[in-house]
Amino acid sequence: MKRVLSKILSGILAGILISIGGTICLALLGYDKVVGAILFTVALSTICYKGYALFTGKVGYIVESHAKDDFETLFLCLLGNLIGAVAFGYMIGFAMPSLREVAFVACSNRLDNTILQALIKGILCGILMYVAVSVFRENNKNVLGIMLAIPTFILAGFEHSIADMFYFACGNLVSLDAFIFLVVVIIGNAIGGMLLPLIQKGIKALAPKEN
């Protein structure tokens, strides 16, 4: 039980940090979106340095290790992210009504996407999240991948499921369409996160063996 609670709490912390990044983006949306996108990197940088559990940063690694415990960890991570992002979203919406209005409009526009559009945007974000985290892990905690990949997905309009959980909660937009949208983006993030490592695994398998 302690192990389960620990994983959920780690996910909650990651969800809160992503929400802080989302708050910055909402606050600067009508002023300087580029600065907001850059400042959002504070969230993922802290998550990576602290080792908190973020679904979009972990899902790609299920390709390398996919035991029962790995799937359980991923589920608990997502649950924690959901709790942290939604709770913080409602808090910000209550404390900052002007941001609640911005979030409501932004999320209403998101719901204009078709399921396929949302899925594709989720996949592309998932790819960039894997790039950001893998560069950090494989290059002595180098944040260059984070500093480039995160503003890229934000400015390109790709969808990050945990950030979207925060936005919908902040905008107090609760509906079946919102739920479906978030599920589709989660699936898209998962596909995108696994895409590069799967291809890399295939390349290694097809590479000629040295004599």
C-alpha atoms as a PDB file:
ATOM      1  CA  MET A   1       0.000   0.000   0.000  1.00  0.00           C
ATOM      2  CA  LYS A   2       2.839   2.395   0.831  1.00  0.00           C
ATOM      3  CA  ARG A   3       4.417   1.689  -2.559  1.00  0.00           C
ATOM      4  CA  VAL A   4       1.161   2.443  -4.363  1.00  0.00           C
ATOM      5  CA  LEU A   5       0.596   5.642  -2.393  1.00  0.00           C
ATOM      6  CA  SER A   6       4.163   6.757  -3.060  1.00  0.00           C
ATOM      7  CA  LYS A   7       3.679   6.399  -6.823  1.00  0.00           C
ATOM      8  CA  ILE A   8       0.382   8.256  -6.751  1.00  0.00           C
ATOM      9  CA  LEU A   9       1.875  11.098  -4.697  1.00  0.00           C
ATOM     10  CA  SER A  10       4.797  11.355  -7.105  1.00  0.00           C
ATOM     11  CA  GLY A  11       2.262  11.620  -9.935  1.00  0.00           C
ATOM     12  CA  ILE A  12       0.329  14.303  -8.047  1.00  0.00           C
ATOM     13  CA  LEU A  13       3.494  16.393  -7.671  1.00  0.00           C
ATOM     14  CA  ALA A  14       4.154  16.096 -11.404  1.00  0.00           C
ATOM     15  CA  GLY A  15       0.554  17.077 -12.153  1.00  0.00           C
ATOM     16  CA  ILE A  16       0.874  20.164  -9.966  1.00  0.00           C
ATOM     17  CA  LEU A  17       4.093  21.234 -11.676  1.00  0.00           C
ATOM     18  CA  ILE A  18       2.559  20.804 -15.138  1.00  0.00           C
ATOM     19  CA  SER A  19      -0.370  22.892 -13.892  1.00  0.00           C
ATOM     20  CA  ILE A  20       1.984  25.658 -12.814  1.00  0.00           C
ATOM     21  CA  GLY A  21       3.423  25.633 -16.322  1.00  0.00           C
ATOM     22  CA  GLY A  22      -0.114  25.737 -17.697  1.00  0.00           C
ATOM     23  CA  THR A  23      -0.955  28.688 -15.463  1.00  0.00           C
ATOM     24  CA  ILE A  24       1.971  30.616 -16.934  1.00  0.00           C
ATOM     25  CA  CYS A  25       0.778  29.838 -20.450  1.00  0.00           C
ATOM     26  CA  LEU A  26      -2.772  30.988 -19.670  1.00  0.00           C
ATOM     27  CA  ALA A  27      -1.527  34.194 -18.032  1.00  0.00           C
ATOM     28  CA  LEU A  28       0.582  35.102 -21.075  1.00  0.00           C
ATOM     29  CA  LEU A  29      -1.694  33.712 -23.798  1.00  0.00           C
ATOM     30  CA  GLY A  30      -2.940  37.110 -24.920  1.00  0.00           C
ATOM     31  CA  TYR A  31       0.409  38.854 -24.422  1.00  0.00           C
ATOM     32  CA  ASP A  32       3.438  36.750 -25.260  1.00  0.00           C
ATOM     33  CA  LYS A  33       2.775  33.096 -26.038  1.00  0.00           C
ATOM     34  CA  VAL A  34       6.462  32.472 -26.792  1.00  0.00           C
ATOM     35  CA  VAL A  35       7.559  33.544 -23.300  1.00  0.00           C
ATOM     36  CA  GLY A  36       4.817  31.393 -21.778  1.00  0.00           C
ATOM     37  CA  ALA A  37       5.984  28.384 -23.781  1.00  0.00           C
ATOM     38  CA  ILE A  38       9.587  28.892 -22.662  1.00  0.00           C
ATOM     39  CA  LEU A  39       8.648  29.332 -19.006  1.00  0.00           C
ATOM     40  CA  PHE A  40       6.586  26.120 -19.150  1.00  0.00           C
ATOM     41  CA  THR A  41       9.920  24.273 -19.310  1.00  0.00           C
ATOM     42  CA  VAL A  42      10.369  25.021 -15.587  1.00  0.00           C
ATOM     43  CA  ALA A  43       7.727  22.348 -14.950  1.00  0.00           C
ATOM     44  CA  LEU A  44       9.331  19.466 -16.868  1.00  0.00           C
ATOM     45  CA  SER A  45      12.863  20.446 -15.810  1.00  0.00           C
ATOM     46  CA  THR A  46      11.847  20.211 -12.150  1.00  0.00           C
ATOM     47  CA  ILE A  47       9.971  16.942 -12.731  1.00  0.00           C
ATOM     48  CA  CYS A  48      13.029  15.388 -14.370  1.00  0.00           C
ATOM     49  CA  TYR A  49      15.505  16.622 -11.766  1.00  0.00           C
ATOM     50  CA  LYS A  50      13.283  15.532  -8.882  1.00  0.00           C
ATOM     51  CA  GLY A  51      12.307  12.231 -10.496  1.00  0.00           C
ATOM     52  CA  TYR A  52       8.550  12.815 -10.207  1.00  0.00           C
ATOM     53  CA  ALA A  53       6.214  10.535 -12.152  1.00  0.00           C
ATOM     54  CA  LEU A  54       4.776  12.142 -15.292  1.00  0.00           C
ATOM     55  CA  PHE A  55       2.765   9.872 -17.598  1.00  0.00           C
ATOM     56  CA  THR A  56       3.898  11.523 -20.818  1.00  0.00           C
ATOM     57  CA  GLY A  57       7.528  11.282 -19.738  1.00  0.00           C
ATOM     58  CA  LYS A  58       7.315   7.626 -18.720  1.00  0.00           C
ATOM     59  CA  VAL A  59       5.034   5.962 -21.262  1.00  0.00           C
ATOM     60  CA  GLY A  60       7.713   5.674 -23.972  1.00  0.00           C
ATOM     61  CA  TYR A  61       9.867   3.524 -21.710  1.00  0.00           C
ATOM     62  CA  ILE A  62       7.186   0.832 -21.540  1.00  0.00           C
ATOM     63  CA  VAL A  63       8.732  -0.340 -24.827  1.00  0.00           C
ATOM     64  CA  GLU A  64      11.932  -1.279 -23.011  1.00  0.00           C
ATOM     65  CA  SER A  65      10.327  -2.761 -19.904  1.00  0.00           C
ATOM     66  CA  HIS A  66       6.725  -3.950 -19.980  1.00  0.00           C
ATOM     67  CA  ALA A  67       6.296  -6.212 -16.965  1.00  0.00           C
ATOM     68  CA  LYS A  68       3.077  -6.134 -14.943  1.00  0.00           C
ATOM     69  CA  ASP A  69       4.660  -3.762 -12.402  1.00  0.00           C
ATOM     70  CA  ASP A  70       5.600  -1.327 -15.184  1.00  0.00           C
ATOM     71  CA  PHE A  71       1.991  -1.054 -16.370  1.00  0.00           C
ATOM     72  CA  GLU A  72       0.803  -0.657 -12.785  1.00  0.00           C
ATOM     73  CA  THR A  73       3.318   2.131 -12.237  1.00  0.00           C
ATOM     74  CA  LEU A  74       2.170   3.862 -15.418  1.00  0.00           C
ATOM     75  CA  PHE A  75      -1.488   3.672 -14.368  1.00  0.00           C
ATOM     76  CA  LEU A  76      -0.769   5.007 -10.863  1.00  0.00           C
ATOM     77  CA  CYS A  77       1.350   7.754 -12.399  1.00  0.00           C
ATOM     78  CA  LEU A  78      -1.539   8.814 -14.662  1.00  0.00           C
ATOM     79  CA  LEU A  79      -3.972   8.700 -11.748  1.00  0.00           C
ATOM     80  CA  GLY A  80      -1.701  10.931  -9.688  1.00  0.00           C
ATOM     81  CA  ASN A  81      -1.228  13.326 -12.604  1.00  0.00           C
ATOM     82  CA  LEU A  82      -5.014  13.539 -12.985  1.00  0.00           C
ATOM     83  CA  ILE A  83      -5.553  14.303  -9.298  1.00  0.00           C
ATOM     84  CA  GLY A  84      -2.825  16.954  -9.195  1.00  0.00           C
ATOM     85  CA  ALA A  85      -3.782  18.665 -12.454  1.00  0.00           C
ATOM     86  CA  VAL A  86      -7.537  18.735 -11.820  1.00  0.00           C
ATOM     87  CA  ALA A  87      -7.243  19.853  -8.183  1.00  0.00           C
ATOM     88  CA  PHE A  88      -4.789  22.606  -9.087  1.00  0.00           C
ATOM     89  CA  GLY A  89      -6.936  23.572 -12.076  1.00  0.00           C
ATOM     90  CA  TYR A  90      -9.983  24.205  -9.927  1.00  0.00           C
ATOM     91  CA  MET A  91      -7.850  26.095  -7.406  1.00  0.00           C
ATOM     92  CA  ILE A  92      -6.460  28.431 -10.066  1.00  0.00           C
ATOM     93  CA  GLY A  93      -9.884  28.872 -11.646  1.00  0.00           C
ATOM     94  CA  PHE A  94     -11.267  29.926  -8.261  1.00  0.00           C
ATOM     95  CA  ALA A  95      -8.335  32.152  -7.285  1.00  0.00           C
ATOM     96  CA  MET A  96      -7.935  33.768 -10.713  1.00  0.00           C
ATOM     97  CA  PRO A  97     -11.336  34.171 -12.436  1.00  0.00           C
ATOM     98  CA  SER A  98      -9.736  35.950 -15.401  1.00  0.00           C
ATOM     99  CA  LEU A  99      -7.655  32.849 -16.145  1.00  0.00           C
ATOM    100  CA  ARG A 100     -10.747  30.668 -15.778  1.00  0.00           C
ATOM    101  CA  GLU A 101     -12.335  32.599 -18.635  1.00  0.00           C
ATOM    102  CA  VAL A 102      -9.203  32.250 -20.770  1.00  0.00           C
ATOM    103  CA  ALA A 103      -9.085  28.514 -20.050  1.00  0.00           C
ATOM    104  CA  PHE A 104     -12.775  28.087 -20.894  1.00  0.00           C
ATOM    105  CA  VAL A 105     -12.348  29.712 -24.304  1.00  0.00           C
ATOM    106  CA  ALA A 106      -9.153  27.763 -25.037  1.00  0.00           C
ATOM    107  CA  CYS A 107     -10.776  24.445 -24.100  1.00  0.00           C
ATOM    108  CA  SER A 108     -13.930  25.231 -26.077  1.00  0.00           C
ATOM    109  CA  ASN A 109     -11.706  25.717 -29.121  1.00  0.00           C
ATOM    110  CA  ARG A 110     -10.017  22.382 -28.405  1.00  0.00           C
ATOM    111  CA  LEU A 111     -13.380  20.645 -28.568  1.00  0.00           C
ATOM    112  CA  ASP A 112     -13.785  21.888 -32.158  1.00  0.00           C
ATOM    113  CA  ASN A 113     -11.133  19.324 -33.136  1.00  0.00           C
ATOM    114  CA  THR A 114     -12.256  16.013 -34.586  1.00  0.00           C
ATOM    115  CA  ILE A 115     -11.172  12.844 -32.784  1.00  0.00           C
ATOM    116  CA  LEU A 116      -8.553  12.208 -35.468  1.00  0.00           C
ATOM    117  CA  GLN A 117      -7.172  15.748 -35.185  1.00  0.00           C
ATOM    118  CA  ALA A 118      -6.918  15.442 -31.399  1.00  0.00           C
ATOM    119  CA  LEU A 119      -5.230  12.047 -31.758  1.00  0.00           C
ATOM    120  CA  ILE A 120      -2.631  13.347 -34.214  1.00  0.00           C
ATOM    121  CA  LYS A 121      -1.867  16.381 -32.043  1.00  0.00           C
ATOM    122  CA  GLY A 122      -1.493  14.048 -29.062  1.00  0.00           C
ATOM    123  CA  ILE A 123       0.871  11.763 -30.985  1.00  0.00           C
ATOM    124  CA  LEU A 124       3.093  14.662 -32.040  1.00  0.00           C
ATOM    125  CA  CYS A 125       3.251  15.967 -28.477  1.00  0.00           C
ATOM    126  CA  GLY A 126       4.094  12.464 -27.242  1.00  0.00           C
ATOM    127  CA  ILE A 127       7.035  12.263 -29.643  1.00  0.00           C
ATOM    128  CA  LEU A 128       8.437  15.554 -28.380  1.00  0.00           C
ATOM    129  CA  MET A 129       7.926  14.568 -24.743  1.00  0.00           C
ATOM    130  CA  TYR A 130       9.928  11.399 -25.317  1.00  0.00           C
ATOM    131  CA  VAL A 131      12.651  13.443 -27.019  1.00  0.00           C
ATOM    132  CA  ALA A 132      12.801  15.875 -24.081  1.00  0.00           C
ATOM    133  CA  VAL A 133      13.012  13.188 -21.400  1.00  0.00           C
ATOM    134  CA  SER A 134      15.324  10.831 -23.295  1.00  0.00           C
ATOM    135  CA  VAL A 135      17.839  13.622 -24.023  1.00  0.00           C
ATOM    136  CA  PHE A 136      17.783  14.498 -20.308  1.00  0.00           C
ATOM    137  CA  ARG A 137      18.272  10.893 -19.192  1.00  0.00           C
ATOM    138  CA  GLU A 138      20.890   9.906 -21.732  1.00  0.00           C
ATOM    139  CA  ASN A 139      23.047  13.036 -21.617  1.00  0.00           C
ATOM    140  CA  ASN A 140      23.912  13.652 -17.948  1.00  0.00           C
ATOM    141  CA  LYS A 141      20.703  15.549 -17.152  1.00  0.00           C
ATOM    142  CA  ASN A 142      21.054  17.893 -20.112  1.00  0.00           C
ATOM    143  CA  VAL A 143      17.965  20.137 -20.289  1.00  0.00           C
ATOM    144  CA  LEU A 144      18.527  21.160 -23.936  1.00  0.00           C
ATOM    145  CA  GLY A 145      15.911  18.670 -25.128  1.00  0.00           C
ATOM    146  CA  ILE A 146      13.412  20.071 -22.637  1.00  0.00           C
ATOM    147  CA  MET A 147      14.184  23.700 -23.557  1.00  0.00           C
ATOM    148  CA  LEU A 148      13.588  22.980 -27.259  1.00  0.00           C
ATOM    149  CA  ALA A 149      10.921  20.263 -27.332  1.00  0.00           C
ATOM    150  CA  ILE A 150       8.475  21.779 -24.840  1.00  0.00           C
ATOM    151  CA  PRO A 151       8.129  25.241 -26.444  1.00  0.00           C
ATOM    152  CA  THR A 152       7.919  23.472 -29.812  1.00  0.00           C
ATOM    153  CA  PHE A 153       4.864  21.399 -28.917  1.00  0.00           C
ATOM    154  CA  ILE A 154       3.159  24.339 -27.212  1.00  0.00           C
ATOM    155  CA  LEU A 155       3.722  26.821 -30.047  1.00  0.00           C
ATOM    156  CA  ALA A 156       2.803  24.209 -32.658  1.00  0.00           C
ATOM    157  CA  GLY A 157      -0.523  23.598 -30.920  1.00  0.00           C
ATOM    158  CA  PHE A 158       0.051  19.934 -30.066  1.00  0.00           C
ATOM    159  CA  GLU A 159      -1.914  18.433 -27.176  1.00  0.00           C
ATOM    160  CA  HIS A 160      -0.451  17.373 -23.818  1.00  0.00           C
ATOM    161  CA  SER A 161      -2.989  15.297 -21.872  1.00  0.00           C
ATOM    162  CA  ILE A 162      -1.921  16.332 -18.362  1.00  0.00           C
ATOM    163  CA  ALA A 163      -1.786  20.029 -19.240  1.00  0.00           C
ATOM    164  CA  ASP A 164      -5.212  19.662 -20.881  1.00  0.00           C
ATOM    165  CA  MET A 165      -6.605  18.123 -17.675  1.00  0.00           C
ATOM    166  CA  PHE A 166      -5.504  21.291 -15.903  1.00  0.00           C
ATOM    167  CA  TYR A 167      -6.941  23.587 -18.594  1.00  0.00           C
ATOM    168  CA  PHE A 168     -10.363  21.904 -18.595  1.00  0.00           C
ATOM    169  CA  ALA A 169     -10.537  21.953 -14.784  1.00  0.00           C
ATOM    170  CA  CYS A 170      -9.411  25.577 -14.641  1.00  0.00           C
ATOM    171  CA  GLY A 171     -12.054  26.535 -17.209  1.00  0.00           C
ATOM    172  CA  ASN A 172     -14.644  24.443 -15.338  1.00  0.00           C
ATOM    173  CA  LEU A 173     -15.553  22.781 -18.619  1.00  0.00           C
ATOM    174  CA  VAL A 174     -16.927  19.377 -17.724  1.00  0.00           C
ATOM    175  CA  SER A 175     -18.747  17.375 -20.384  1.00  0.00           C
ATOM    176  CA  LEU A 176     -18.774  14.052 -22.202  1.00  0.00           C
ATOM    177  CA  ASP A 177     -17.018  15.705 -25.156  1.00  0.00           C
ATOM    178  CA  ALA A 178     -14.270  16.959 -22.834  1.00  0.00           C
ATOM    179  CA  PHE A 179     -13.836  13.459 -21.380  1.00  0.00           C
ATOM    180  CA  ILE A 180     -13.606  11.877 -24.840  1.00  0.00           C
ATOM    181  CA  PHE A 181     -11.133  14.539 -25.960  1.00  0.00           C
ATOM    182  CA  LEU A 182      -8.853  13.867 -22.970  1.00  0.00           C
ATOM    183  CA  VAL A 183      -8.989  10.091 -23.471  1.00  0.00           C
ATOM    184  CA  VAL A 184      -8.068  10.502 -27.140  1.00  0.00           C
ATOM    185  CA  VAL A 185      -5.153  12.803 -26.269  1.00  0.00           C
ATOM    186  CA  ILE A 186      -3.921  10.357 -23.612  1.00  0.00           C
ATOM    187  CA  ILE A 187      -3.937   7.600 -26.241  1.00  0.00           C
ATOM    188  CA  GLY A 188      -2.183   9.911 -28.698  1.00  0.00           C
ATOM    189  CA  ASN A 189       0.495  10.852 -26.161  1.00  0.00           C
ATOM    190  CA  ALA A 190       1.057   7.152 -25.440  1.00  0.00           C
ATOM    191  CA  ILE A 191       1.392   6.273 -29.139  1.00  0.00           C
ATOM    192  CA  GLY A 192       3.738   9.199 -29.736  1.00  0.00           C
ATOM    193  CA  GLY A 193       5.819   8.415 -26.671  1.00  0.00           C
ATOM    194  CA  MET A 194       6.320   4.823 -27.794  1.00  0.00           C
ATOM    195  CA  LEU A 195       6.871   5.566 -31.480  1.00  0.00           C
ATOM    196  CA  LEU A 196      10.565   6.496 -31.495  1.00  0.00           C
ATOM    197  CA  PRO A 197      11.721   3.755 -29.095  1.00  0.00           C
ATOM    198  CA  LEU A 198       9.746   1.173 -31.100  1.00  0.00           C
ATOM    199  CA  ILE A 199      11.395   2.304 -34.336  1.00  0.00           C
ATOM    200  CA  GLN A 200      14.793   2.356 -32.637  1.00  0.00           C
ATOM    201  CA  LYS A 201      14.189  -1.179 -31.407  1.00  0.00           C
ATOM    202  CA  GLY A 202      13.263  -2.237 -34.928  1.00  0.00           C
ATOM    203  CA  ILE A 203      16.412  -0.680 -36.372  1.00  0.00           C
ATOM    204  CA  LYS A 204      18.569  -2.587 -33.888  1.00  0.00           C
ATOM    205  CA  ALA A 205      16.765  -5.829 -34.703  1.00  0.00           C
ATOM    206  CA  LEU A 206      17.273  -5.343 -38.440  1.00  0.00           C
ATOM    207  CA  ALA A 207      20.899  -4.203 -38.216  1.00  0.00           C
ATOM    208  CA  PRO A 208      23.353  -6.817 -39.528  1.00  0.00           C
ATOM    209  CA  LYS A 209      25.214  -8.594 -36.785  1.00  0.00           C
ATOM    210  CA  GLU A 210      28.956  -8.120 -36.651  1.00  0.00           C
ATOM    211  CA  ASN A 211      31.051 -11.251 -37.152  1.00  0.00           C
END
